[in-house]
C-alpha atoms as a PDB file:
ATOM      1  CA  MET A   1      -6.315  20.705  62.582  1.00  0.00           C
ATOM      2  CA  ASN A   2      -8.543  22.643  65.046  1.00  0.00           C
ATOM      3  CA  SER A   3     -11.251  23.122  62.424  1.00  0.00           C
ATOM      4  CA  GLU A   4     -11.067  19.439  61.478  1.00  0.00           C
ATOM      5  CA  LEU A   5     -11.624  18.497  65.144  1.00  0.00           C
ATOM      6  CA  GLU A   6     -14.551  21.009  65.338  1.00  0.00           C
ATOM      7  CA  ALA A   7     -16.048  19.521  62.197  1.00  0.00           C
ATOM      8  CA  LEU A   8     -15.655  16.013  63.540  1.00  0.00           C
ATOM      9  CA  GLU A   9     -17.138  17.109  66.879  1.00  0.00           C
ATOM     10  CA  ALA A  10     -20.129  18.573  65.065  1.00  0.00           C
ATOM     11  CA  LYS A  11     -20.694  15.381  63.088  1.00  0.00           C
ATOM     12  CA  ILE A  12     -20.416  13.287  66.233  1.00  0.00           C
ATOM     13  CA  GLU A  13     -23.011  15.482  67.895  1.00  0.00           C
ATOM     14  CA  GLN A  14     -25.289  15.073  64.970  1.00  0.00           C
ATOM     15  CA  VAL A  15     -24.894  11.248  65.042  1.00  0.00           C
ATOM     16  CA  VAL A  16     -25.694  11.307  68.794  1.00  0.00           C
ATOM     17  CA  ALA A  17     -28.761  13.452  68.230  1.00  0.00           C
ATOM     18  CA  LEU A  18     -29.864  11.089  65.474  1.00  0.00           C
ATOM     19  CA  VAL A  19     -29.385   8.119  67.736  1.00  0.00           C
ATOM     20  CA  HIS A  20     -31.410   9.760  70.488  1.00  0.00           C
ATOM     21  CA  GLN A  21     -34.191  10.551  67.961  1.00  0.00           C
ATOM     22  CA  LEU A  22     -34.271   7.047  66.486  1.00  0.00           C
ATOM     23  CA  ARG A  23     -34.376   5.529  69.953  1.00  0.00           C
ATOM     24  CA  ALA A  24     -37.399   7.668  70.823  1.00  0.00           C
ATOM     25  CA  GLU A  25     -39.084   6.671  67.565  1.00  0.00           C
ATOM     26  CA  ASN A  26     -38.257   3.084  68.322  1.00  0.00           C
ATOM     27  CA  ASP A  27     -39.910   3.302  71.667  1.00  0.00           C
ATOM     28  CA  VAL A  28     -43.022   4.841  70.173  1.00  0.00           C
ATOM     29  CA  LEU A  29     -43.182   2.127  67.521  1.00  0.00           C
ATOM     30  CA  LYS A  30     -42.636  -0.605  70.143  1.00  0.00           C
ATOM     31  CA  ASN A  31     -45.624   0.924  72.116  1.00  0.00           C
ATOM     32  CA  GLN A  32     -47.811   1.098  68.970  1.00  0.00           C
ATOM     33  CA  MET A  33     -46.953  -2.518  68.214  1.00  0.00           C
ATOM     34  CA  ALA A  34     -47.874  -3.660  71.646  1.00  0.00           C
ATOM     35  CA  ALA A  35     -51.077  -1.764  71.493  1.00  0.00           C
ATOM     36  CA  ALA A  36     -51.902  -3.244  68.076  1.00  0.00           C
ATOM     37  CA  GLU A  37     -51.121  -6.731  69.369  1.00  0.00           C
ATOM     38  CA  ALA A  38     -53.421  -6.297  72.380  1.00  0.00           C
ATOM     39  CA  GLU A  39     -56.231  -5.014  70.042  1.00  0.00           C
ATOM     40  CA  ARG A  40     -55.682  -8.004  67.675  1.00  0.00           C
ATOM     41  CA  LEU A  41     -56.041 -10.435  70.523  1.00  0.00           C
ATOM     42  CA  HIS A  42     -59.062  -8.746  71.825  1.00  0.00           C
ATOM     43  CA  LEU A  43     -60.694  -8.745  68.349  1.00  0.00           C
ATOM     44  CA  ARG A  44     -59.733 -12.430  68.008  1.00  0.00           C
ATOM     45  CA  ALA A  45     -61.352 -13.228  71.276  1.00  0.00           C
ATOM     46  CA  THR A  46     -64.422 -11.250  70.330  1.00  0.00           C
ATOM     47  CA  MET A  47     -64.611 -13.130  66.954  1.00  0.00           C
ATOM     48  CA  THR A  48     -64.242 -16.471  68.743  1.00  0.00           C
ATOM     49  CA  ALA A  49     -67.036 -15.653  71.081  1.00  0.00           C
ATOM     50  CA  ALA A  50     -69.291 -14.503  68.265  1.00  0.00           C
ATOM     51  CA  ARG A  51     -68.571 -17.723  66.278  1.00  0.00           C
ATOM     52  CA  GLU A  52     -69.329 -19.909  69.268  1.00  0.00           C
ATOM     53  CA  ARG A  53     -72.509 -18.000  69.939  1.00  0.00           C
ATOM     54  CA  LEU A  54     -73.576 -18.400  66.372  1.00  0.00           C
ATOM     55  CA  GLU A  55     -72.789 -22.031  66.287  1.00  0.00           C
ATOM     56  CA  GLY A  56     -74.790 -22.448  69.494  1.00  0.00           C
ATOM     57  CA  LEU A  57     -77.725 -20.667  67.773  1.00  0.00           C
ATOM     58  CA  VAL A  58     -77.469 -22.743  64.590  1.00  0.00           C
ATOM     59  CA  ASP A  59     -77.465 -25.998  66.783  1.00  0.00           C
ATOM     60  CA  LYS A  60     -80.800 -24.799  68.319  1.00  0.00           C
ATOM     61  CA  ILE A  61     -82.465 -24.539  64.869  1.00  0.00           C
ATOM     62  CA  PRO A  62     -84.786 -27.533  64.262  1.00  0.00           C
ATOM     63  CA  GLU A  63     -83.555 -30.068  61.719  1.00  0.00           C
ATOM     64  CA  ASP A  64     -86.377 -29.464  59.274  1.00  0.00           C
ATOM     65  CA  ALA A  65     -85.601 -25.746  59.149  1.00  0.00           C
ATOM     66  CA  GLN A  66     -82.009 -26.272  58.067  1.00  0.00           C
END
C-alpha cells in the first residue's frame, strides 16, 4: 500500500511539473503571438501608407503619359 501511494505521489508530482512547464510554454507562445500581431499591424500600416503614396504619385502623372 505504501509503495502504491509513493508511486501515485510521484505521478502526481510529474503531472504538476508538466502543468507548470506547459503554462510557461503557453505564456511564451502568448507573448510571441502578441508580438507577431503587433508586427502584422505595423506592416499593414506601412503597406497602406506605401499604397496611398503610390496612388498619390500616379495621380500626379499627366494623362498623356498614362
